[in-house]
């Protein structure tokens, strides 16, 4: 009997962390009859609108420099044309194309949402995952700069003490606060495989 279809949301950004999360989701989280949602939270002050996924997979440590060189275009005209005169490829479309290559029958859709007033990035993702009825969230995760004991050490405006995304990264906050399963993914390119974090598993190694 075929398992019920599920909705898997991948937090999509033009970063190597997000690319690793997508690779994990395609390999380990979705089946052909599932739906995969690429959710990108757009920051109005962020000028990076696209990125070539092939370049992304090989990106060196200085992401800001590479992104600035690759994505420098006439933002004032909003025409998506790079300084070289070549069209800028939208990184979300590149990610969707990667999904189609890996799983041609998979239903993939793109959701772009704007960072909302009164909500930070983590809570914007949390809100839309609930609206979309998501079963699993997959998000690229970097090693936290803060001890785990800081989780939940902050309060929201108004005194609601469910933790805050301030002081911890977005992945950690979603893992601790989302109603569905959330998996933080760190792709280990040198050692191979992934390090996964969820509510029930911390620093779990999974070979690719």
N, C-alpha and C. Protein backbone atom coordinates (compact mmCIF):
# COMPACT_ATOMS: atom_id res chain seq x y z
N UNK A 1 0.85 -1.19 0.00
CA UNK A 1 0.00 0.00 0.00
C UNK A 1 0.89 1.25 0.00
N UNK A 2 0.55 2.20 -0.85
CA UNK A 2 1.35 3.42 -0.94
C UNK A 2 1.12 4.31 0.27
N UNK A 3 2.21 4.87 0.80
CA UNK A 3 2.10 5.77 1.94
C UNK A 3 1.34 7.03 1.54
N UNK A 4 0.59 7.62 2.47
CA UNK A 4 -0.14 8.85 2.15
C UNK A 4 0.81 9.95 1.70
N UNK A 5 0.35 10.76 0.75
CA UNK A 5 1.18 11.87 0.26
C UNK A 5 1.39 12.87 1.39
N UNK A 6 2.57 13.44 1.42
CA UNK A 6 2.87 14.43 2.44
C UNK A 6 3.43 15.70 1.79
N UNK A 7 3.35 16.78 2.53
CA UNK A 7 3.91 18.05 2.08
C UNK A 7 5.23 18.29 2.80
N UNK A 8 6.28 18.47 2.03
CA UNK A 8 7.61 18.73 2.59
C UNK A 8 8.02 20.13 2.17
N UNK A 9 8.34 20.95 3.14
CA UNK A 9 8.75 22.33 2.86
C UNK A 9 10.26 22.45 3.05
N UNK A 10 10.95 22.96 2.05
CA UNK A 10 12.37 23.26 2.16
C UNK A 10 12.53 24.77 2.19
N UNK A 11 13.19 25.27 3.21
CA UNK A 11 13.46 26.71 3.29
C UNK A 11 14.54 27.02 2.27
N UNK A 12 14.19 27.81 1.27
CA UNK A 12 15.05 28.01 0.10
C UNK A 12 15.69 29.38 0.12
N UNK A 13 17.02 29.39 0.06
CA UNK A 13 17.81 30.61 0.01
C UNK A 13 18.99 30.38 -0.93
N UNK A 14 19.63 31.45 -1.42
CA UNK A 14 20.80 31.28 -2.27
C UNK A 14 22.07 31.04 -1.46
N UNK A 15 22.06 29.94 -0.69
CA UNK A 15 23.20 29.60 0.16
C UNK A 15 23.53 28.12 0.01
N UNK A 16 24.74 27.74 0.37
CA UNK A 16 25.14 26.34 0.33
C UNK A 16 24.36 25.53 1.37
N UNK A 17 24.04 26.15 2.51
CA UNK A 17 23.25 25.45 3.53
C UNK A 17 21.90 25.02 2.97
N UNK A 18 21.24 25.93 2.25
CA UNK A 18 19.93 25.64 1.68
C UNK A 18 20.04 24.58 0.59
N UNK A 19 21.10 24.64 -0.19
CA UNK A 19 21.33 23.63 -1.22
C UNK A 19 21.49 22.24 -0.61
N UNK A 20 22.22 22.16 0.50
CA UNK A 20 22.39 20.89 1.20
C UNK A 20 21.08 20.36 1.73
N UNK A 21 20.22 21.27 2.24
CA UNK A 21 18.91 20.87 2.74
C UNK A 21 18.06 20.30 1.61
N UNK A 22 18.13 20.92 0.44
CA UNK A 22 17.36 20.43 -0.70
C UNK A 22 17.86 19.05 -1.13
N UNK A 23 19.16 18.86 -1.17
CA UNK A 23 19.72 17.56 -1.54
C UNK A 23 19.26 16.48 -0.57
N UNK A 24 19.27 16.81 0.72
CA UNK A 24 18.80 15.84 1.73
C UNK A 24 17.33 15.52 1.52
N UNK A 25 16.52 16.57 1.30
CA UNK A 25 15.08 16.35 1.13
C UNK A 25 14.79 15.46 -0.07
N UNK A 26 15.48 15.69 -1.18
CA UNK A 26 15.26 14.89 -2.38
C UNK A 26 15.69 13.44 -2.18
N UNK A 27 16.73 13.25 -1.38
CA UNK A 27 17.26 11.89 -1.17
C UNK A 27 16.54 11.12 -0.09
N UNK A 28 16.05 11.83 0.94
CA UNK A 28 15.59 11.12 2.14
C UNK A 28 14.20 11.52 2.64
N UNK A 29 13.59 12.58 2.12
CA UNK A 29 12.34 13.06 2.72
C UNK A 29 11.12 12.95 1.82
N UNK A 30 11.31 12.99 0.50
CA UNK A 30 10.15 13.01 -0.39
C UNK A 30 10.12 11.79 -1.31
N UNK A 31 8.89 11.35 -1.60
CA UNK A 31 8.64 10.32 -2.61
C UNK A 31 7.99 11.00 -3.81
N UNK A 32 7.92 10.28 -4.91
CA UNK A 32 7.43 10.87 -6.16
C UNK A 32 6.01 11.42 -6.03
N UNK A 33 5.17 10.82 -5.18
CA UNK A 33 3.78 11.26 -5.08
C UNK A 33 3.59 12.36 -4.03
N UNK A 34 4.67 12.77 -3.37
CA UNK A 34 4.58 13.85 -2.38
C UNK A 34 4.60 15.21 -3.07
N UNK A 35 4.44 16.25 -2.26
CA UNK A 35 4.57 17.62 -2.76
C UNK A 35 5.73 18.29 -2.04
N UNK A 36 6.60 18.92 -2.80
CA UNK A 36 7.73 19.63 -2.22
C UNK A 36 7.53 21.12 -2.45
N UNK A 37 7.61 21.89 -1.38
CA UNK A 37 7.40 23.34 -1.44
C UNK A 37 8.73 24.04 -1.15
N UNK A 38 9.16 24.87 -2.07
CA UNK A 38 10.34 25.71 -1.87
C UNK A 38 9.88 27.06 -1.35
N UNK A 39 10.09 27.30 -0.08
CA UNK A 39 9.63 28.55 0.54
C UNK A 39 10.79 29.50 0.73
N UNK A 40 10.67 30.68 0.15
CA UNK A 40 11.70 31.71 0.31
C UNK A 40 11.08 32.94 0.96
N UNK A 41 11.70 33.40 2.04
CA UNK A 41 11.27 34.62 2.71
C UNK A 41 12.09 35.78 2.15
N UNK A 42 11.43 36.66 1.45
CA UNK A 42 12.10 37.79 0.82
C UNK A 42 12.21 38.95 1.80
N UNK A 43 13.43 39.43 1.94
CA UNK A 43 13.66 40.62 2.74
C UNK A 43 13.73 41.80 1.79
N UNK A 44 12.85 42.80 1.95
CA UNK A 44 12.84 43.93 1.02
C UNK A 44 14.18 44.63 0.90
N UNK A 45 15.02 44.53 1.92
CA UNK A 45 16.32 45.20 1.88
C UNK A 45 17.40 44.34 1.27
N UNK A 46 17.05 43.07 0.91
CA UNK A 46 18.03 42.15 0.35
C UNK A 46 18.01 42.25 -1.16
N UNK A 47 19.16 42.56 -1.77
CA UNK A 47 19.21 42.77 -3.21
C UNK A 47 19.55 41.50 -3.99
N UNK A 48 19.82 40.38 -3.30
CA UNK A 48 20.16 39.15 -4.02
C UNK A 48 18.86 38.47 -4.46
N UNK A 49 18.62 38.38 -5.76
CA UNK A 49 17.38 37.82 -6.29
C UNK A 49 17.57 36.49 -7.01
N UNK A 50 18.77 36.10 -7.30
CA UNK A 50 18.96 34.87 -8.04
C UNK A 50 20.35 34.33 -7.85
N UNK A 51 20.53 33.04 -8.19
CA UNK A 51 21.85 32.44 -8.07
C UNK A 51 21.86 31.16 -8.85
N UNK A 52 22.94 30.88 -9.51
CA UNK A 52 23.07 29.65 -10.26
C UNK A 52 23.38 28.51 -9.31
N UNK A 53 22.53 27.48 -9.30
CA UNK A 53 22.67 26.39 -8.33
C UNK A 53 23.98 25.64 -8.51
N UNK A 54 24.43 25.48 -9.76
CA UNK A 54 25.69 24.79 -9.99
C UNK A 54 26.85 25.54 -9.35
N UNK A 55 26.81 26.88 -9.43
CA UNK A 55 27.83 27.69 -8.75
C UNK A 55 27.68 27.56 -7.25
N UNK A 56 26.43 27.51 -6.79
CA UNK A 56 26.15 27.45 -5.36
C UNK A 56 26.76 26.21 -4.72
N UNK A 57 26.70 25.08 -5.41
CA UNK A 57 27.20 23.83 -4.84
C UNK A 57 28.71 23.85 -4.66
N UNK A 58 29.39 24.75 -5.39
CA UNK A 58 30.85 24.81 -5.32
C UNK A 58 31.32 26.11 -4.65
N UNK A 59 30.42 26.77 -3.97
CA UNK A 59 30.70 28.11 -3.47
C UNK A 59 31.81 28.11 -2.43
N UNK A 60 32.77 29.02 -2.51
CA UNK A 60 33.83 29.11 -1.51
C UNK A 60 33.33 29.78 -0.25
N UNK A 61 34.17 29.82 0.82
CA UNK A 61 33.71 30.35 2.10
C UNK A 61 33.21 31.78 2.03
N UNK A 62 33.81 32.63 1.19
CA UNK A 62 33.41 34.03 1.16
C UNK A 62 32.18 34.20 0.29
N UNK A 63 31.02 33.80 0.83
CA UNK A 63 29.77 33.84 0.09
C UNK A 63 29.40 35.25 -0.34
N UNK A 64 29.60 36.21 0.53
CA UNK A 64 29.20 37.57 0.22
C UNK A 64 29.92 38.10 -1.01
N UNK A 65 31.22 37.83 -1.10
CA UNK A 65 32.00 38.32 -2.24
C UNK A 65 31.53 37.67 -3.52
N UNK A 66 31.34 36.34 -3.50
CA UNK A 66 30.92 35.63 -4.69
C UNK A 66 29.53 36.07 -5.12
N UNK A 67 28.62 36.20 -4.14
CA UNK A 67 27.26 36.61 -4.46
C UNK A 67 27.24 38.00 -5.06
N UNK A 68 28.06 38.89 -4.50
CA UNK A 68 28.10 40.26 -5.01
C UNK A 68 28.60 40.30 -6.44
N UNK A 69 29.60 39.46 -6.75
CA UNK A 69 30.14 39.42 -8.10
C UNK A 69 29.14 38.78 -9.06
N UNK A 70 28.50 37.70 -8.62
CA UNK A 70 27.61 36.97 -9.50
C UNK A 70 26.29 37.67 -9.73
N UNK A 71 25.83 38.39 -8.71
CA UNK A 71 24.49 38.94 -8.76
C UNK A 71 24.44 40.45 -8.90
N UNK A 72 25.56 41.06 -9.23
CA UNK A 72 25.57 42.50 -9.42
C UNK A 72 24.85 42.85 -10.71
N UNK A 73 23.70 43.51 -10.63
CA UNK A 73 22.97 43.90 -11.82
C UNK A 73 22.22 45.20 -11.56
N UNK A 74 21.64 45.73 -12.60
CA UNK A 74 20.97 47.02 -12.53
C UNK A 74 19.66 46.88 -11.79
N UNK A 75 19.76 46.91 -10.46
CA UNK A 75 18.59 46.70 -9.62
C UNK A 75 17.56 47.80 -9.80
N UNK A 76 18.02 49.00 -10.13
CA UNK A 76 17.09 50.11 -10.29
C UNK A 76 16.10 49.88 -11.41
N UNK A 77 16.54 49.22 -12.51
CA UNK A 77 15.63 48.96 -13.62
C UNK A 77 14.77 47.72 -13.35
N UNK A 78 15.28 46.85 -12.46
CA UNK A 78 14.51 45.65 -12.13
C UNK A 78 14.32 44.72 -13.31
N UNK A 79 15.29 44.72 -14.24
CA UNK A 79 15.10 43.93 -15.44
C UNK A 79 15.78 42.57 -15.38
N UNK A 80 16.42 42.23 -14.26
CA UNK A 80 17.02 40.91 -14.13
C UNK A 80 18.15 40.68 -15.11
N UNK A 81 18.86 41.74 -15.52
CA UNK A 81 19.96 41.60 -16.45
C UNK A 81 21.26 41.91 -15.72
N UNK A 82 22.19 41.00 -15.78
CA UNK A 82 23.47 41.18 -15.11
C UNK A 82 24.29 42.22 -15.85
N UNK A 83 25.38 42.70 -15.20
CA UNK A 83 26.25 43.69 -15.82
C UNK A 83 26.84 43.18 -17.13
N UNK A 84 26.99 41.87 -17.27
CA UNK A 84 27.55 41.30 -18.48
C UNK A 84 26.55 41.29 -19.62
N UNK A 85 25.28 41.64 -19.32
CA UNK A 85 24.25 41.62 -20.33
C UNK A 85 23.49 40.31 -20.38
N UNK A 86 23.90 39.31 -19.57
CA UNK A 86 23.23 38.02 -19.56
C UNK A 86 22.08 38.03 -18.56
N UNK A 87 20.96 37.35 -18.86
CA UNK A 87 19.85 37.28 -17.90
C UNK A 87 20.27 36.59 -16.62
N UNK A 88 19.77 37.07 -15.49
CA UNK A 88 20.05 36.47 -14.19
C UNK A 88 19.06 35.34 -13.95
N UNK A 89 19.58 34.15 -13.65
CA UNK A 89 18.71 33.02 -13.37
C UNK A 89 18.24 33.07 -11.93
N UNK A 90 16.96 32.90 -11.74
CA UNK A 90 16.39 32.91 -10.41
C UNK A 90 16.78 31.63 -9.70
N UNK A 91 17.35 31.75 -8.50
CA UNK A 91 17.84 30.56 -7.80
C UNK A 91 16.70 29.62 -7.43
N UNK A 92 15.49 30.14 -7.22
CA UNK A 92 14.36 29.27 -6.92
C UNK A 92 13.98 28.41 -8.12
N UNK A 93 14.02 29.00 -9.31
CA UNK A 93 13.76 28.22 -10.51
C UNK A 93 14.85 27.17 -10.73
N UNK A 94 16.10 27.54 -10.39
CA UNK A 94 17.20 26.58 -10.50
C UNK A 94 16.98 25.42 -9.54
N UNK A 95 16.53 25.72 -8.32
CA UNK A 95 16.26 24.66 -7.36
C UNK A 95 15.12 23.77 -7.84
N UNK A 96 14.08 24.40 -8.39
CA UNK A 96 12.96 23.62 -8.91
C UNK A 96 13.41 22.72 -10.05
N UNK A 97 14.26 23.23 -10.92
CA UNK A 97 14.79 22.43 -12.03
C UNK A 97 15.60 21.24 -11.49
N UNK A 98 16.36 21.48 -10.42
CA UNK A 98 17.13 20.40 -9.81
C UNK A 98 16.20 19.31 -9.28
N UNK A 99 15.08 19.73 -8.68
CA UNK A 99 14.09 18.76 -8.19
C UNK A 99 13.52 17.94 -9.35
N UNK A 100 13.21 18.62 -10.45
CA UNK A 100 12.63 17.94 -11.61
C UNK A 100 13.61 16.95 -12.23
N UNK A 101 14.90 17.29 -12.17
CA UNK A 101 15.90 16.35 -12.69
C UNK A 101 16.03 15.12 -11.79
N UNK A 102 15.98 15.36 -10.48
CA UNK A 102 16.14 14.26 -9.53
C UNK A 102 14.90 13.37 -9.46
N UNK A 103 13.72 14.01 -9.46
CA UNK A 103 12.46 13.27 -9.35
C UNK A 103 11.45 13.89 -10.31
N UNK A 104 11.44 13.44 -11.55
CA UNK A 104 10.61 14.07 -12.59
C UNK A 104 9.11 14.11 -12.29
N UNK A 105 8.61 13.16 -11.52
CA UNK A 105 7.17 13.11 -11.24
C UNK A 105 6.78 13.87 -9.98
N UNK A 106 7.77 14.39 -9.26
CA UNK A 106 7.49 15.09 -8.01
C UNK A 106 6.80 16.42 -8.27
N UNK A 107 5.77 16.69 -7.51
CA UNK A 107 5.06 17.97 -7.60
C UNK A 107 5.85 19.01 -6.79
N UNK A 108 6.41 19.99 -7.48
CA UNK A 108 7.24 21.01 -6.83
C UNK A 108 6.62 22.38 -7.08
N UNK A 109 6.49 23.16 -6.03
CA UNK A 109 6.01 24.52 -6.22
C UNK A 109 6.84 25.50 -5.40
N UNK A 110 6.84 26.72 -5.87
CA UNK A 110 7.61 27.79 -5.24
C UNK A 110 6.67 28.73 -4.51
N UNK A 111 7.02 29.05 -3.29
CA UNK A 111 6.27 30.03 -2.50
C UNK A 111 7.22 31.15 -2.09
N UNK A 112 6.92 32.36 -2.50
CA UNK A 112 7.70 33.53 -2.09
C UNK A 112 6.84 34.34 -1.12
N UNK A 113 7.39 34.61 0.03
CA UNK A 113 6.67 35.44 1.00
C UNK A 113 7.59 36.57 1.45
N UNK A 114 6.98 37.67 1.79
CA UNK A 114 7.75 38.83 2.23
C UNK A 114 7.83 38.85 3.75
N UNK A 115 8.98 39.22 4.26
CA UNK A 115 9.14 39.35 5.70
C UNK A 115 8.09 40.32 6.22
N UNK A 116 7.26 39.84 7.13
CA UNK A 116 6.10 40.60 7.57
C UNK A 116 6.42 41.49 8.76
N UNK A 117 5.76 42.62 8.81
CA UNK A 117 5.92 43.52 9.95
C UNK A 117 5.47 42.81 11.22
N UNK A 118 6.28 42.88 12.25
CA UNK A 118 5.95 42.25 13.52
C UNK A 118 6.35 40.79 13.61
N UNK A 119 6.87 40.22 12.48
CA UNK A 119 7.34 38.84 12.51
C UNK A 119 8.78 38.80 12.00
N UNK A 120 9.63 38.05 12.70
CA UNK A 120 10.98 37.84 12.19
C UNK A 120 10.94 36.69 11.20
N UNK A 121 12.09 36.33 10.64
CA UNK A 121 12.15 35.31 9.60
C UNK A 121 11.64 33.96 10.10
N UNK A 122 12.07 33.57 11.30
CA UNK A 122 11.68 32.26 11.82
C UNK A 122 10.17 32.15 11.97
N UNK A 123 9.55 33.19 12.50
CA UNK A 123 8.10 33.13 12.72
C UNK A 123 7.32 33.32 11.43
N UNK A 124 7.90 33.98 10.44
CA UNK A 124 7.26 34.05 9.13
C UNK A 124 7.21 32.66 8.51
N UNK A 125 8.32 31.91 8.60
CA UNK A 125 8.35 30.53 8.10
C UNK A 125 7.37 29.67 8.88
N UNK A 126 7.37 29.82 10.18
CA UNK A 126 6.48 29.04 11.04
C UNK A 126 5.02 29.27 10.67
N UNK A 127 4.65 30.53 10.49
CA UNK A 127 3.28 30.89 10.15
C UNK A 127 2.86 30.27 8.82
N UNK A 128 3.69 30.41 7.80
CA UNK A 128 3.32 29.92 6.48
C UNK A 128 3.35 28.40 6.40
N UNK A 129 4.19 27.76 7.18
CA UNK A 129 4.17 26.30 7.20
C UNK A 129 2.85 25.78 7.75
N UNK A 130 2.29 26.48 8.71
CA UNK A 130 0.99 26.10 9.27
C UNK A 130 -0.13 26.38 8.28
N UNK A 131 -0.06 27.53 7.60
CA UNK A 131 -1.08 27.87 6.59
C UNK A 131 -1.09 26.85 5.46
N UNK A 132 0.10 26.40 5.06
CA UNK A 132 0.23 25.46 3.96
C UNK A 132 -0.04 24.01 4.36
N UNK A 133 -0.17 23.76 5.65
CA UNK A 133 -0.43 22.40 6.12
C UNK A 133 0.73 21.47 5.89
N UNK A 134 1.93 21.95 6.20
CA UNK A 134 3.16 21.19 5.93
C UNK A 134 3.33 20.06 6.96
N UNK A 135 3.84 18.92 6.48
CA UNK A 135 4.11 17.78 7.36
C UNK A 135 5.55 17.78 7.87
N UNK A 136 6.47 18.23 7.02
CA UNK A 136 7.90 18.23 7.37
C UNK A 136 8.53 19.52 6.87
N UNK A 137 9.36 20.14 7.71
CA UNK A 137 10.17 21.28 7.30
C UNK A 137 11.62 20.82 7.26
N UNK A 138 12.31 21.13 6.18
CA UNK A 138 13.74 20.85 6.07
C UNK A 138 14.45 22.17 5.87
N UNK A 139 15.43 22.45 6.71
CA UNK A 139 16.13 23.72 6.65
C UNK A 139 17.63 23.52 6.82
N UNK A 140 18.40 24.20 6.01
CA UNK A 140 19.85 24.15 6.17
C UNK A 140 20.25 24.78 7.48
N UNK A 141 21.20 24.19 8.15
CA UNK A 141 21.58 24.66 9.48
C UNK A 141 23.08 24.76 9.61
N UNK A 142 23.52 25.89 10.11
CA UNK A 142 24.92 26.05 10.45
C UNK A 142 25.09 25.76 11.93
N UNK A 143 26.30 25.46 12.31
CA UNK A 143 26.57 25.19 13.72
C UNK A 143 26.25 26.42 14.55
N UNK A 144 25.49 26.22 15.61
CA UNK A 144 25.07 27.35 16.44
C UNK A 144 26.25 27.98 17.16
N UNK A 145 26.20 29.31 17.24
CA UNK A 145 27.21 30.04 17.99
C UNK A 145 26.82 30.19 19.45
N UNK A 146 25.63 29.69 19.79
CA UNK A 146 25.11 29.86 21.14
C UNK A 146 24.86 28.51 21.78
N UNK A 147 25.10 28.39 23.08
CA UNK A 147 24.85 27.11 23.76
C UNK A 147 23.38 26.75 23.74
N UNK A 148 23.11 25.44 23.74
CA UNK A 148 21.72 24.98 23.70
C UNK A 148 20.90 25.50 24.87
N UNK A 149 21.55 25.79 25.96
CA UNK A 149 20.82 26.29 27.11
C UNK A 149 20.15 27.62 26.87
N UNK A 150 20.57 28.33 25.81
CA UNK A 150 19.96 29.62 25.52
C UNK A 150 18.62 29.47 24.84
N UNK A 151 18.29 28.28 24.35
CA UNK A 151 16.99 28.08 23.74
C UNK A 151 15.90 28.35 24.78
N UNK A 152 14.93 29.17 24.40
CA UNK A 152 13.82 29.43 25.31
C UNK A 152 14.16 30.42 26.39
N UNK A 153 15.33 31.05 26.32
CA UNK A 153 15.74 31.96 27.38
C UNK A 153 15.22 33.37 27.14
N UNK A 154 14.48 33.57 26.05
CA UNK A 154 13.99 34.89 25.71
C UNK A 154 12.47 34.88 25.70
N UNK A 155 11.88 36.04 25.78
CA UNK A 155 10.43 36.14 25.76
C UNK A 155 10.00 37.02 24.61
N UNK A 156 8.82 36.73 24.08
CA UNK A 156 8.27 37.54 23.01
C UNK A 156 7.70 38.82 23.57
N UNK A 157 7.58 39.86 22.72
CA UNK A 157 6.86 41.06 23.16
C UNK A 157 5.48 40.65 23.62
N UNK A 158 5.10 41.14 24.79
CA UNK A 158 3.83 40.73 25.35
C UNK A 158 3.98 39.64 26.39
N UNK A 159 5.22 39.11 26.53
CA UNK A 159 5.49 38.19 27.62
C UNK A 159 5.30 36.73 27.30
N UNK A 160 4.96 36.37 26.03
CA UNK A 160 4.78 34.95 25.71
C UNK A 160 6.12 34.26 25.70
N UNK A 161 6.34 33.35 26.61
CA UNK A 161 7.66 32.73 26.79
C UNK A 161 7.74 31.39 26.08
N UNK A 162 7.83 31.45 24.73
CA UNK A 162 8.00 30.22 23.97
C UNK A 162 9.34 30.23 23.28
N UNK A 163 10.22 31.07 23.74
CA UNK A 163 11.52 31.18 23.08
C UNK A 163 11.48 32.28 22.04
N UNK A 164 12.63 32.68 21.57
CA UNK A 164 12.72 33.72 20.55
C UNK A 164 13.80 33.37 19.58
N UNK A 165 13.62 33.80 18.32
CA UNK A 165 14.65 33.55 17.33
C UNK A 165 15.82 34.49 17.50
N UNK A 166 15.69 35.48 18.39
CA UNK A 166 16.84 36.33 18.69
C UNK A 166 17.83 35.54 19.53
N UNK A 167 19.08 35.55 19.12
CA UNK A 167 20.10 34.86 19.90
C UNK A 167 20.30 33.41 19.49
N UNK A 168 19.37 32.85 18.70
CA UNK A 168 19.55 31.50 18.17
C UNK A 168 19.23 31.54 16.69
N UNK A 169 19.70 30.54 15.94
CA UNK A 169 19.44 30.61 14.51
C UNK A 169 18.03 30.12 14.18
N UNK A 170 17.63 30.42 12.96
CA UNK A 170 16.27 30.11 12.52
C UNK A 170 15.97 28.63 12.63
N UNK A 171 16.92 27.79 12.22
CA UNK A 171 16.70 26.34 12.27
C UNK A 171 16.41 25.87 13.68
N UNK A 172 17.21 26.33 14.64
CA UNK A 172 17.01 25.90 16.03
C UNK A 172 15.64 26.31 16.54
N UNK A 173 15.23 27.51 16.18
CA UNK A 173 13.93 27.98 16.65
C UNK A 173 12.80 27.14 16.05
N UNK A 174 12.88 26.86 14.76
CA UNK A 174 11.83 26.07 14.11
C UNK A 174 11.79 24.65 14.68
N UNK A 175 12.95 24.06 14.91
CA UNK A 175 13.00 22.71 15.47
C UNK A 175 12.26 22.65 16.81
N UNK A 176 12.46 23.65 17.62
CA UNK A 176 11.88 23.64 18.96
C UNK A 176 10.42 24.07 18.99
N UNK A 177 9.96 24.83 17.99
CA UNK A 177 8.64 25.46 18.10
C UNK A 177 7.61 25.05 17.06
N UNK A 178 8.01 24.42 15.96
CA UNK A 178 7.00 24.09 14.95
C UNK A 178 6.19 22.87 15.38
N UNK A 179 4.94 22.81 14.92
CA UNK A 179 4.04 21.72 15.29
C UNK A 179 4.35 20.45 14.51
N UNK A 180 4.88 20.63 13.31
CA UNK A 180 5.23 19.46 12.50
C UNK A 180 6.69 19.08 12.74
N UNK A 181 7.14 18.05 12.08
CA UNK A 181 8.55 17.66 12.18
C UNK A 181 9.42 18.67 11.46
N UNK A 182 10.50 19.09 12.09
CA UNK A 182 11.46 19.98 11.46
C UNK A 182 12.85 19.35 11.58
N UNK A 183 13.55 19.30 10.45
CA UNK A 183 14.89 18.72 10.42
C UNK A 183 15.88 19.79 9.99
N UNK A 184 16.86 20.05 10.84
CA UNK A 184 17.97 20.93 10.49
C UNK A 184 19.07 20.10 9.86
N UNK A 185 19.56 20.54 8.72
CA UNK A 185 20.51 19.75 7.94
C UNK A 185 21.83 20.49 7.78
N UNK A 186 22.90 19.83 8.18
CA UNK A 186 24.25 20.32 7.90
C UNK A 186 24.91 19.31 6.97
N UNK A 187 25.22 19.75 5.75
CA UNK A 187 25.87 18.86 4.80
C UNK A 187 27.38 18.89 5.03
N UNK A 188 27.95 17.72 5.23
CA UNK A 188 29.38 17.61 5.48
C UNK A 188 30.07 17.18 4.20
N UNK A 189 30.55 18.15 3.43
CA UNK A 189 31.10 17.84 2.12
C UNK A 189 32.41 17.05 2.21
N UNK A 190 33.24 17.36 3.21
CA UNK A 190 34.52 16.67 3.33
C UNK A 190 34.35 15.26 3.86
N UNK A 191 33.60 15.11 4.95
CA UNK A 191 33.40 13.80 5.55
C UNK A 191 32.34 12.99 4.80
N UNK A 192 31.46 13.70 4.07
CA UNK A 192 30.36 13.04 3.39
C UNK A 192 29.17 12.87 4.32
N UNK A 193 27.97 12.87 3.75
CA UNK A 193 26.77 12.69 4.54
C UNK A 193 26.27 13.98 5.17
N UNK A 194 25.39 13.81 6.16
CA UNK A 194 24.73 14.95 6.79
C UNK A 194 24.76 14.80 8.32
N UNK A 195 24.72 15.93 8.99
CA UNK A 195 24.43 15.96 10.42
C UNK A 195 23.04 16.53 10.56
N UNK A 196 22.14 15.78 11.23
CA UNK A 196 20.74 16.16 11.33
C UNK A 196 20.38 16.52 12.76
N UNK A 197 19.49 17.48 12.89
CA UNK A 197 18.96 17.86 14.20
C UNK A 197 17.45 17.96 14.13
N UNK A 198 16.79 17.39 15.12
CA UNK A 198 15.34 17.51 15.26
C UNK A 198 15.03 17.53 16.75
N UNK A 199 13.76 17.54 17.10
CA UNK A 199 13.41 17.53 18.52
C UNK A 199 13.88 16.25 19.20
N UNK A 200 13.88 15.16 18.46
CA UNK A 200 14.20 13.86 19.05
C UNK A 200 15.62 13.38 18.77
N UNK A 201 16.29 13.97 17.79
CA UNK A 201 17.65 13.56 17.45
C UNK A 201 18.55 14.78 17.35
N UNK A 202 19.64 14.74 18.07
CA UNK A 202 20.59 15.85 18.05
C UNK A 202 21.92 15.34 17.49
N UNK A 203 22.44 16.12 16.54
CA UNK A 203 23.74 15.80 15.93
C UNK A 203 23.80 14.35 15.44
N UNK A 204 22.76 13.95 14.72
CA UNK A 204 22.67 12.59 14.20
C UNK A 204 23.36 12.51 12.84
N UNK A 205 24.33 11.63 12.73
CA UNK A 205 25.08 11.47 11.48
C UNK A 205 24.33 10.55 10.54
N UNK A 206 24.20 10.99 9.30
CA UNK A 206 23.58 10.16 8.26
C UNK A 206 24.50 10.17 7.05
N UNK A 207 24.99 9.00 6.65
CA UNK A 207 25.84 8.93 5.48
C UNK A 207 25.01 9.13 4.23
N UNK A 208 25.59 9.81 3.26
CA UNK A 208 24.86 10.10 2.01
C UNK A 208 24.58 8.81 1.25
